[in-house]
Amino acid sequence: MIRIGGKKIAQKIIESLKKLPKPNKKLAAVFVGDNSASESFLKQKKKIAEELGISFELHKLEEGISEEELKEEIREIQNNIEVGGIIIQLPLPAKFNRESVLSVLGPEKDIDALSLEARVLALPIEVIKDILSDQNYEIKNKIVAVIGRGRLIGQPVSEWLLEKCKETILLHSHSDLGELKKADLVILGIGKPGLIKPEMLKSGAGVIDFGFSMIDGKISGDLDSSQSLLGLSFYTPTPGGTGPILVAEIFKNFYKLNEK
């Protein structure tokens, strides 16, 4: 059983970016409200920006701002020619219509690939590719299960998997999770801490866990890691698994969108 260290993979990405011409543009992040998990991710992003010598500009907005005011703020940032990429830190406070807010993003500055016409792949797809490459893991003849149908993880990942593996099983929290026993690779992105128990999985399965929840001040993934994981071939821990790679891939997209 291999515990995949996301920081090691992320650092390889960062080191490869250091060898490329540095974009002469700012990276802007829009953060609304007060969310401790989001603040943690933003600190990671700022740290990597500093390591790469990229100007990181944080626009922190009060939750009381109206949706139209938020969209206008994003438009202003987008129209700034000095800005080469925009992060809209998710989740947004519940009062906002996420899709309406994201619709303001133009694909030329959308480094998270959240807009409909994004010019780069969705970040979770890039993370999966990084992990599979690290493990020399081929999915062509594998059955892959994706748990979660959300806009950020499940939807783009399941679409990307089409015709890339032997079979894709799409599940959600109310599905018959007994289907997991068929899967060689399980991708989690439902945000229900500890939902998936090791005994629910096929012996020798691999697990890539994007689940991210705060419980009593601690970060938890969808995989219950309190039990023995020796039956797995590999898994990503939470924290320290997919998270650091996601952040590194943001910067890879930033470089791609600002290639000369």
C-alpha atoms as a PDB file:
ATOM      1  CA  MET A   1       0.000   0.000   0.000  1.00  0.00           C
ATOM      2  CA  ILE A   2       1.407   3.364  -1.052  1.00  0.00           C
ATOM      3  CA  ARG A   3       0.491   6.642   0.650  1.00  0.00           C
ATOM      4  CA  ILE A   4       0.877   9.234  -2.081  1.00  0.00           C
ATOM      5  CA  GLY A   5       2.573  12.419  -0.946  1.00  0.00           C
ATOM      6  CA  GLY A   6       0.967  15.288  -2.816  1.00  0.00           C
ATOM      7  CA  LYS A   7       3.628  17.762  -1.734  1.00  0.00           C
ATOM      8  CA  LYS A   8       6.349  15.790  -3.514  1.00  0.00           C
ATOM      9  CA  ILE A   9       4.400  15.725  -6.788  1.00  0.00           C
ATOM     10  CA  ALA A  10       3.490  19.404  -6.402  1.00  0.00           C
ATOM     11  CA  GLN A  11       7.128  20.375  -5.886  1.00  0.00           C
ATOM     12  CA  LYS A  12       8.107  18.612  -9.121  1.00  0.00           C
ATOM     13  CA  ILE A  13       5.528  20.747 -10.949  1.00  0.00           C
ATOM     14  CA  ILE A  14       6.815  23.916  -9.321  1.00  0.00           C
ATOM     15  CA  GLU A  15      10.441  23.081 -10.140  1.00  0.00           C
ATOM     16  CA  SER A  16       9.481  22.484 -13.790  1.00  0.00           C
ATOM     17  CA  LEU A  17       7.775  25.910 -13.899  1.00  0.00           C
ATOM     18  CA  LYS A  18      10.909  27.605 -12.583  1.00  0.00           C
ATOM     19  CA  LYS A  19      12.666  26.553 -15.786  1.00  0.00           C
ATOM     20  CA  LEU A  20      10.111  28.359 -17.955  1.00  0.00           C
ATOM     21  CA  PRO A  21       9.906  32.079 -18.788  1.00  0.00           C
ATOM     22  CA  LYS A  22       8.001  33.777 -15.964  1.00  0.00           C
ATOM     23  CA  PRO A  23       4.738  35.459 -17.036  1.00  0.00           C
ATOM     24  CA  ASN A  24       4.929  39.217 -16.563  1.00  0.00           C
ATOM     25  CA  LYS A  25       1.393  39.265 -15.190  1.00  0.00           C
ATOM     26  CA  LYS A  26      -0.363  39.296 -11.821  1.00  0.00           C
ATOM     27  CA  LEU A  27      -2.378  36.433 -10.373  1.00  0.00           C
ATOM     28  CA  ALA A  28      -5.552  37.772  -8.746  1.00  0.00           C
ATOM     29  CA  ALA A  29      -7.686  35.910  -6.195  1.00  0.00           C
ATOM     30  CA  VAL A  30     -11.226  36.893  -5.192  1.00  0.00           C
ATOM     31  CA  PHE A  31     -12.229  35.718  -1.714  1.00  0.00           C
ATOM     32  CA  VAL A  32     -15.684  36.471  -0.323  1.00  0.00           C
ATOM     33  CA  GLY A  33     -16.649  36.064   3.320  1.00  0.00           C
ATOM     34  CA  ASP A  34     -14.818  34.059   5.965  1.00  0.00           C
ATOM     35  CA  ASN A  35     -13.945  30.393   5.405  1.00  0.00           C
ATOM     36  CA  SER A  36     -10.978  28.858   7.237  1.00  0.00           C
ATOM     37  CA  ALA A  37     -10.430  26.108   4.633  1.00  0.00           C
ATOM     38  CA  SER A  38     -10.396  28.715   1.839  1.00  0.00           C
ATOM     39  CA  GLU A  39      -7.940  30.847   3.787  1.00  0.00           C
ATOM     40  CA  SER A  40      -5.650  27.830   4.124  1.00  0.00           C
ATOM     41  CA  PHE A  41      -5.719  27.215   0.353  1.00  0.00           C
ATOM     42  CA  LEU A  42      -5.090  30.901  -0.377  1.00  0.00           C
ATOM     43  CA  LYS A  43      -2.035  30.882   1.891  1.00  0.00           C
ATOM     44  CA  GLN A  44      -0.664  27.925  -0.095  1.00  0.00           C
ATOM     45  CA  LYS A  45      -1.292  29.764  -3.353  1.00  0.00           C
ATOM     46  CA  LYS A  46       0.397  32.919  -2.116  1.00  0.00           C
ATOM     47  CA  LYS A  47       3.404  30.916  -0.900  1.00  0.00           C
ATOM     48  CA  ILE A  48       3.915  29.261  -4.293  1.00  0.00           C
ATOM     49  CA  ALA A  49       3.449  32.584  -6.083  1.00  0.00           C
ATOM     50  CA  GLU A  50       6.235  34.041  -3.960  1.00  0.00           C
ATOM     51  CA  GLU A  51       8.443  31.015  -4.697  1.00  0.00           C
ATOM     52  CA  LEU A  52       7.920  31.547  -8.436  1.00  0.00           C
ATOM     53  CA  GLY A  53       8.285  35.325  -8.205  1.00  0.00           C
ATOM     54  CA  ILE A  54       4.720  35.955  -9.364  1.00  0.00           C
ATOM     55  CA  SER A  55       2.760  38.912  -8.023  1.00  0.00           C
ATOM     56  CA  PHE A  56      -0.236  37.605  -6.043  1.00  0.00           C
ATOM     57  CA  GLU A  57      -3.104  40.047  -5.544  1.00  0.00           C
ATOM     58  CA  LEU A  58      -5.817  39.143  -3.026  1.00  0.00           C
ATOM     59  CA  HIS A  59      -9.222  40.848  -3.272  1.00  0.00           C
ATOM     60  CA  LYS A  60     -10.960  40.072   0.027  1.00  0.00           C
ATOM     61  CA  LEU A  61     -14.623  41.065   0.032  1.00  0.00           C
ATOM     62  CA  GLU A  62     -17.206  41.122   2.813  1.00  0.00           C
ATOM     63  CA  GLU A  63     -20.042  38.610   2.662  1.00  0.00           C
ATOM     64  CA  GLY A  64     -22.489  41.523   2.728  1.00  0.00           C
ATOM     65  CA  ILE A  65     -21.547  42.531  -0.823  1.00  0.00           C
ATOM     66  CA  SER A  66     -24.363  42.034  -3.334  1.00  0.00           C
ATOM     67  CA  GLU A  67     -24.066  39.540  -6.165  1.00  0.00           C
ATOM     68  CA  GLU A  68     -24.053  42.278  -8.780  1.00  0.00           C
ATOM     69  CA  GLU A  69     -21.328  44.151  -6.876  1.00  0.00           C
ATOM     70  CA  LEU A  70     -19.271  40.952  -6.742  1.00  0.00           C
ATOM     71  CA  LYS A  71     -19.669  40.402 -10.482  1.00  0.00           C
ATOM     72  CA  GLU A  72     -18.697  43.997 -11.178  1.00  0.00           C
ATOM     73  CA  GLU A  73     -15.569  43.553  -9.023  1.00  0.00           C
ATOM     74  CA  ILE A  74     -14.615  40.481 -11.075  1.00  0.00           C
ATOM     75  CA  ARG A  75     -15.234  42.376 -14.322  1.00  0.00           C
ATOM     76  CA  GLU A  76     -12.900  45.165 -13.195  1.00  0.00           C
ATOM     77  CA  ILE A  77     -10.151  42.682 -12.340  1.00  0.00           C
ATOM     78  CA  GLN A  78     -10.673  40.917 -15.649  1.00  0.00           C
ATOM     79  CA  ASN A  79     -10.341  44.154 -17.589  1.00  0.00           C
ATOM     80  CA  ASN A  80      -7.013  44.941 -15.950  1.00  0.00           C
ATOM     81  CA  ILE A  81      -4.366  44.129 -18.560  1.00  0.00           C
ATOM     82  CA  GLU A  82      -1.795  43.546 -15.785  1.00  0.00           C
ATOM     83  CA  VAL A  83      -3.782  40.542 -14.530  1.00  0.00           C
ATOM     84  CA  GLY A  84      -3.007  37.241 -16.267  1.00  0.00           C
ATOM     85  CA  GLY A  85      -5.202  34.915 -14.241  1.00  0.00           C
ATOM     86  CA  ILE A  86      -8.123  35.034 -11.832  1.00  0.00           C
ATOM     87  CA  ILE A  87      -9.034  32.669  -9.003  1.00  0.00           C
ATOM     88  CA  ILE A  88     -12.566  32.880  -7.612  1.00  0.00           C
ATOM     89  CA  GLN A  89     -12.083  31.083  -4.328  1.00  0.00           C
ATOM     90  CA  LEU A  90     -14.816  28.510  -3.780  1.00  0.00           C
ATOM     91  CA  PRO A  91     -17.089  27.830  -2.073  1.00  0.00           C
ATOM     92  CA  LEU A  92     -18.824  31.183  -2.233  1.00  0.00           C
ATOM     93  CA  PRO A  93     -21.223  32.064   0.611  1.00  0.00           C
ATOM     94  CA  ALA A  94     -24.584  30.329   0.137  1.00  0.00           C
ATOM     95  CA  LYS A  95     -26.474  33.495  -0.835  1.00  0.00           C
ATOM     96  CA  PHE A  96     -24.625  33.760  -4.151  1.00  0.00           C
ATOM     97  CA  ASN A  97     -25.575  31.964  -7.351  1.00  0.00           C
ATOM     98  CA  ARG A  98     -22.245  30.305  -8.113  1.00  0.00           C
ATOM     99  CA  GLU A  99     -22.897  29.726 -11.812  1.00  0.00           C
ATOM    100  CA  SER A 100     -24.019  33.311 -12.312  1.00  0.00           C
ATOM    101  CA  VAL A 101     -20.859  34.615 -10.649  1.00  0.00           C
ATOM    102  CA  LEU A 102     -18.585  32.260 -12.595  1.00  0.00           C
ATOM    103  CA  SER A 103     -20.229  33.297 -15.868  1.00  0.00           C
ATOM    104  CA  VAL A 104     -18.403  36.626 -15.613  1.00  0.00           C
ATOM    105  CA  LEU A 105     -15.027  34.885 -15.973  1.00  0.00           C
ATOM    106  CA  GLY A 106     -13.452  35.067 -19.396  1.00  0.00           C
ATOM    107  CA  PRO A 107     -11.638  31.904 -20.582  1.00  0.00           C
ATOM    108  CA  GLU A 108      -8.413  33.815 -21.233  1.00  0.00           C
ATOM    109  CA  LYS A 109      -7.932  34.408 -17.489  1.00  0.00           C
ATOM    110  CA  ASP A 110      -9.774  31.385 -16.076  1.00  0.00           C
ATOM    111  CA  ILE A 111      -6.923  29.333 -14.582  1.00  0.00           C
ATOM    112  CA  ASP A 112      -9.322  27.102 -12.600  1.00  0.00           C
ATOM    113  CA  ALA A 113     -11.121  26.079 -15.844  1.00  0.00           C
ATOM    114  CA  LEU A 114     -14.511  26.993 -14.373  1.00  0.00           C
ATOM    115  CA  SER A 115     -15.929  28.825 -17.376  1.00  0.00           C
ATOM    116  CA  LEU A 116     -17.779  26.999 -20.143  1.00  0.00           C
ATOM    117  CA  GLU A 117     -15.149  27.878 -22.748  1.00  0.00           C
ATOM    118  CA  ALA A 118     -12.090  27.223 -20.587  1.00  0.00           C
ATOM    119  CA  ARG A 119      -8.806  26.967 -22.490  1.00  0.00           C
ATOM    120  CA  VAL A 120      -7.193  24.582 -19.988  1.00  0.00           C
ATOM    121  CA  LEU A 121      -8.294  21.278 -18.462  1.00  0.00           C
ATOM    122  CA  ALA A 122     -10.180  21.258 -15.154  1.00  0.00           C
ATOM    123  CA  LEU A 123      -7.715  21.047 -12.267  1.00  0.00           C
ATOM    124  CA  PRO A 124      -8.933  17.683 -10.865  1.00  0.00           C
ATOM    125  CA  ILE A 125      -8.258  16.076 -14.252  1.00  0.00           C
ATOM    126  CA  GLU A 126      -4.687  17.358 -14.237  1.00  0.00           C
ATOM    127  CA  VAL A 127      -4.251  16.098 -10.658  1.00  0.00           C
ATOM    128  CA  ILE A 128      -5.480  12.623 -11.607  1.00  0.00           C
ATOM    129  CA  LYS A 129      -3.087  12.579 -14.572  1.00  0.00           C
ATOM    130  CA  ASP A 130      -0.211  13.589 -12.256  1.00  0.00           C
ATOM    131  CA  ILE A 131      -1.004  10.832  -9.753  1.00  0.00           C
ATOM    132  CA  LEU A 132      -1.476   8.117 -12.382  1.00  0.00           C
ATOM    133  CA  SER A 133       1.811   9.139 -13.997  1.00  0.00           C
ATOM    134  CA  ASP A 134       3.571   9.064 -10.619  1.00  0.00           C
ATOM    135  CA  GLN A 135       2.292   5.522 -10.036  1.00  0.00           C
ATOM    136  CA  ASN A 136       2.809   4.344 -13.642  1.00  0.00           C
ATOM    137  CA  TYR A 137      -0.860   3.380 -13.506  1.00  0.00           C
ATOM    138  CA  GLU A 138      -2.706   2.700 -16.760  1.00  0.00           C
ATOM    139  CA  ILE A 139      -6.512   2.998 -16.716  1.00  0.00           C
ATOM    140  CA  LYS A 140      -7.188   1.694 -20.225  1.00  0.00           C
ATOM    141  CA  ASN A 141      -8.280  -1.744 -18.973  1.00  0.00           C
ATOM    142  CA  LYS A 142      -9.508  -0.638 -15.560  1.00  0.00           C
ATOM    143  CA  ILE A 143     -12.951  -0.058 -14.058  1.00  0.00           C
ATOM    144  CA  VAL A 144     -13.060   3.410 -12.515  1.00  0.00           C
ATOM    145  CA  ALA A 145     -15.688   4.612 -10.035  1.00  0.00           C
ATOM    146  CA  VAL A 146     -16.378   8.319  -9.518  1.00  0.00           C
ATOM    147  CA  ILE A 147     -18.346   9.248  -6.398  1.00  0.00           C
ATOM    148  CA  GLY A 148     -19.903  12.685  -6.634  1.00  0.00           C
ATOM    149  CA  ARG A 149     -21.604  14.430  -9.542  1.00  0.00           C
ATOM    150  CA  GLY A 150     -20.648  17.994  -8.702  1.00  0.00           C
ATOM    151  CA  ARG A 151     -19.573  20.735 -11.078  1.00  0.00           C
ATOM    152  CA  LEU A 152     -16.046  20.908  -9.652  1.00  0.00           C
ATOM    153  CA  ILE A 153     -14.988  17.249  -9.397  1.00  0.00           C
ATOM    154  CA  GLY A 154     -17.432  14.563 -10.503  1.00  0.00           C
ATOM    155  CA  GLN A 155     -18.760  16.167 -13.674  1.00  0.00           C
ATOM    156  CA  PRO A 156     -15.467  17.115 -15.376  1.00  0.00           C
ATOM    157  CA  VAL A 157     -13.705  13.930 -14.224  1.00  0.00           C
ATOM    158  CA  SER A 158     -16.452  11.587 -15.423  1.00  0.00           C
ATOM    159  CA  GLU A 159     -16.601  13.352 -18.810  1.00  0.00           C
ATOM    160  CA  TRP A 160     -12.823  13.110 -19.179  1.00  0.00           C
ATOM    161  CA  LEU A 161     -12.853   9.387 -18.344  1.00  0.00           C
ATOM    162  CA  LEU A 162     -15.187   8.521 -21.223  1.00  0.00           C
ATOM    163  CA  GLU A 163     -13.433   6.085 -23.572  1.00  0.00           C
ATOM    164  CA  LYS A 164     -10.236   6.282 -21.486  1.00  0.00           C
ATOM    165  CA  CYS A 165     -10.988   3.275 -19.280  1.00  0.00           C
ATOM    166  CA  LYS A 166     -12.732  -0.079 -19.576  1.00  0.00           C
ATOM    167  CA  GLU A 167     -15.805   1.095 -17.651  1.00  0.00           C
ATOM    168  CA  THR A 168     -16.856   4.140 -15.623  1.00  0.00           C
ATOM    169  CA  ILE A 169     -19.196   3.800 -12.649  1.00  0.00           C
ATOM    170  CA  LEU A 170     -20.856   7.076 -11.611  1.00  0.00           C
ATOM    171  CA  LEU A 171     -22.186   7.198  -8.058  1.00  0.00           C
ATOM    172  CA  HIS A 172     -23.507   9.677  -5.505  1.00  0.00           C
ATOM    173  CA  SER A 173     -24.125   9.552  -1.751  1.00  0.00           C
ATOM    174  CA  HIS A 174     -27.470   7.746  -2.136  1.00  0.00           C
ATOM    175  CA  SER A 175     -26.260   5.234  -4.740  1.00  0.00           C
ATOM    176  CA  ASP A 176     -25.728   1.544  -4.058  1.00  0.00           C
ATOM    177  CA  LEU A 177     -22.125   1.780  -2.912  1.00  0.00           C
ATOM    178  CA  GLY A 178     -21.822  -1.973  -3.249  1.00  0.00           C
ATOM    179  CA  GLU A 179     -20.858  -1.140  -6.849  1.00  0.00           C
ATOM    180  CA  LEU A 180     -17.485  -0.023  -5.498  1.00  0.00           C
ATOM    181  CA  LYS A 181     -16.390  -3.647  -5.158  1.00  0.00           C
ATOM    182  CA  LYS A 182     -16.042  -3.725  -8.963  1.00  0.00           C
ATOM    183  CA  ALA A 183     -13.762  -0.696  -9.213  1.00  0.00           C
ATOM    184  CA  ASP A 184      -9.989  -0.865  -9.689  1.00  0.00           C
ATOM    185  CA  LEU A 185      -9.699   2.888  -9.136  1.00  0.00           C
ATOM    186  CA  VAL A 186     -12.009   5.038  -7.015  1.00  0.00           C
ATOM    187  CA  ILE A 187     -12.148   8.833  -7.319  1.00  0.00           C
ATOM    188  CA  LEU A 188     -13.874  10.597  -4.428  1.00  0.00           C
ATOM    189  CA  GLY A 189     -15.315  14.081  -4.612  1.00  0.00           C
ATOM    190  CA  ILE A 190     -18.499  14.202  -2.593  1.00  0.00           C
ATOM    191  CA  GLY A 191     -17.443  16.116   0.538  1.00  0.00           C
ATOM    192  CA  LYS A 192     -18.850  13.665   3.098  1.00  0.00           C
ATOM    193  CA  PRO A 193     -16.064  12.932   5.592  1.00  0.00           C
ATOM    194  CA  GLY A 194     -15.309   9.260   6.147  1.00  0.00           C
ATOM    195  CA  LEU A 195     -18.204   8.096   3.940  1.00  0.00           C
ATOM    196  CA  ILE A 196     -16.112   5.439   2.192  1.00  0.00           C
ATOM    197  CA  LYS A 197     -14.831   2.637   4.415  1.00  0.00           C
ATOM    198  CA  PRO A 198     -11.869   0.502   3.261  1.00  0.00           C
ATOM    199  CA  GLU A 199     -13.953  -2.680   3.465  1.00  0.00           C
ATOM    200  CA  MET A 200     -16.333  -1.238   0.852  1.00  0.00           C
ATOM    201  CA  LEU A 201     -13.544  -1.312  -1.739  1.00  0.00           C
ATOM    202  CA  LYS A 202     -12.087  -4.005  -3.936  1.00  0.00           C
ATOM    203  CA  SER A 203      -8.836  -5.514  -2.655  1.00  0.00           C
ATOM    204  CA  GLY A 204      -5.937  -3.755  -4.381  1.00  0.00           C
ATOM    205  CA  ALA A 205      -7.977  -0.734  -5.474  1.00  0.00           C
ATOM    206  CA  GLY A 206      -6.416   2.701  -5.741  1.00  0.00           C
ATOM    207  CA  VAL A 207      -8.111   5.764  -4.225  1.00  0.00           C
ATOM    208  CA  ILE A 208      -7.792   9.414  -5.250  1.00  0.00           C
ATOM    209  CA  ASP A 209      -9.639  11.496  -2.667  1.00  0.00           C
ATOM    210  CA  PHE A 210     -10.680  15.077  -3.458  1.00  0.00           C
ATOM    211  CA  GLY A 211     -13.103  15.185  -0.505  1.00  0.00           C
ATOM    212  CA  PHE A 212     -12.426  18.117   1.797  1.00  0.00           C
ATOM    213  CA  SER A 213     -14.362  18.849   4.994  1.00  0.00           C
ATOM    214  CA  MET A 214     -13.600  20.645   8.245  1.00  0.00           C
ATOM    215  CA  ILE A 215     -14.622  18.621  11.329  1.00  0.00           C
ATOM    216  CA  ASP A 216     -13.840  20.115  14.756  1.00  0.00           C
ATOM    217  CA  GLY A 217     -11.067  22.167  13.212  1.00  0.00           C
ATOM    218  CA  LYS A 218      -9.521  19.191  11.419  1.00  0.00           C
ATOM    219  CA  ILE A 219      -9.491  18.486   7.685  1.00  0.00           C
ATOM    220  CA  SER A 220     -11.059  15.203   6.608  1.00  0.00           C
ATOM    221  CA  GLY A 221     -11.465  13.456   3.266  1.00  0.00           C
ATOM    222  CA  ASP A 222     -14.212  11.173   1.955  1.00  0.00           C
ATOM    223  CA  LEU A 223     -12.094   8.083   2.677  1.00  0.00           C
ATOM    224  CA  ASP A 224     -12.208   6.868   6.275  1.00  0.00           C
ATOM    225  CA  SER A 225      -8.503   6.733   7.070  1.00  0.00           C
ATOM    226  CA  SER A 226      -9.076   5.857  10.717  1.00  0.00           C
ATOM    227  CA  GLN A 227      -9.240   2.201   9.649  1.00  0.00           C
ATOM    228  CA  SER A 228      -6.512   0.043   8.103  1.00  0.00           C
ATOM    229  CA  LEU A 229      -5.850   0.887   4.460  1.00  0.00           C
ATOM    230  CA  LEU A 230      -3.465  -2.021   3.860  1.00  0.00           C
ATOM    231  CA  GLY A 231      -5.854  -3.587   1.343  1.00  0.00           C
ATOM    232  CA  LEU A 232      -5.406  -0.660  -1.053  1.00  0.00           C
ATOM    233  CA  SER A 233      -2.694  -0.432  -3.693  1.00  0.00           C
ATOM    234  CA  PHE A 234      -2.389   3.325  -3.169  1.00  0.00           C
ATOM    235  CA  TYR A 235      -4.361   6.262  -1.758  1.00  0.00           C
ATOM    236  CA  THR A 236      -4.114  10.021  -1.324  1.00  0.00           C
ATOM    237  CA  PRO A 237      -4.325  11.213   2.293  1.00  0.00           C
ATOM    238  CA  THR A 238      -6.308  14.261   3.418  1.00  0.00           C
ATOM    239  CA  PRO A 239      -4.685  16.668   4.051  1.00  0.00           C
ATOM    240  CA  GLY A 240      -1.481  16.386   2.043  1.00  0.00           C
ATOM    241  CA  GLY A 241      -2.780  14.431  -0.949  1.00  0.00           C
ATOM    242  CA  THR A 242      -4.650  16.036  -3.833  1.00  0.00           C
ATOM    243  CA  GLY A 243      -4.665  19.532  -2.269  1.00  0.00           C
ATOM    244  CA  PRO A 244      -1.015  20.510  -2.856  1.00  0.00           C
ATOM    245  CA  ILE A 245      -1.158  19.144  -6.414  1.00  0.00           C
ATOM    246  CA  LEU A 246      -4.306  21.157  -7.151  1.00  0.00           C
ATOM    247  CA  VAL A 247      -2.553  24.325  -6.032  1.00  0.00           C
ATOM    248  CA  ALA A 248       0.533  23.573  -8.144  1.00  0.00           C
ATOM    249  CA  GLU A 249      -1.645  22.880 -11.186  1.00  0.00           C
ATOM    250  CA  ILE A 250      -3.230  26.320 -10.808  1.00  0.00           C
ATOM    251  CA  PHE A 251       0.184  27.813 -11.512  1.00  0.00           C
ATOM    252  CA  LYS A 252       0.803  25.474 -14.440  1.00  0.00           C
ATOM    253  CA  ASN A 253      -2.448  26.782 -15.948  1.00  0.00           C
ATOM    254  CA  PHE A 254      -1.376  30.355 -15.205  1.00  0.00           C
ATOM    255  CA  TYR A 255       1.817  29.778 -17.194  1.00  0.00           C
ATOM    256  CA  LYS A 256      -0.139  28.122 -20.044  1.00  0.00           C
ATOM    257  CA  LEU A 257      -2.580  31.005 -20.359  1.00  0.00           C
ATOM    258  CA  ASN A 258       0.250  33.522 -20.436  1.00  0.00           C
ATOM    259  CA  GLU A 259       2.615  31.818 -22.860  1.00  0.00           C
ATOM    260  CA  LYS A 260       4.087  34.266 -25.335  1.00  0.00           C
END
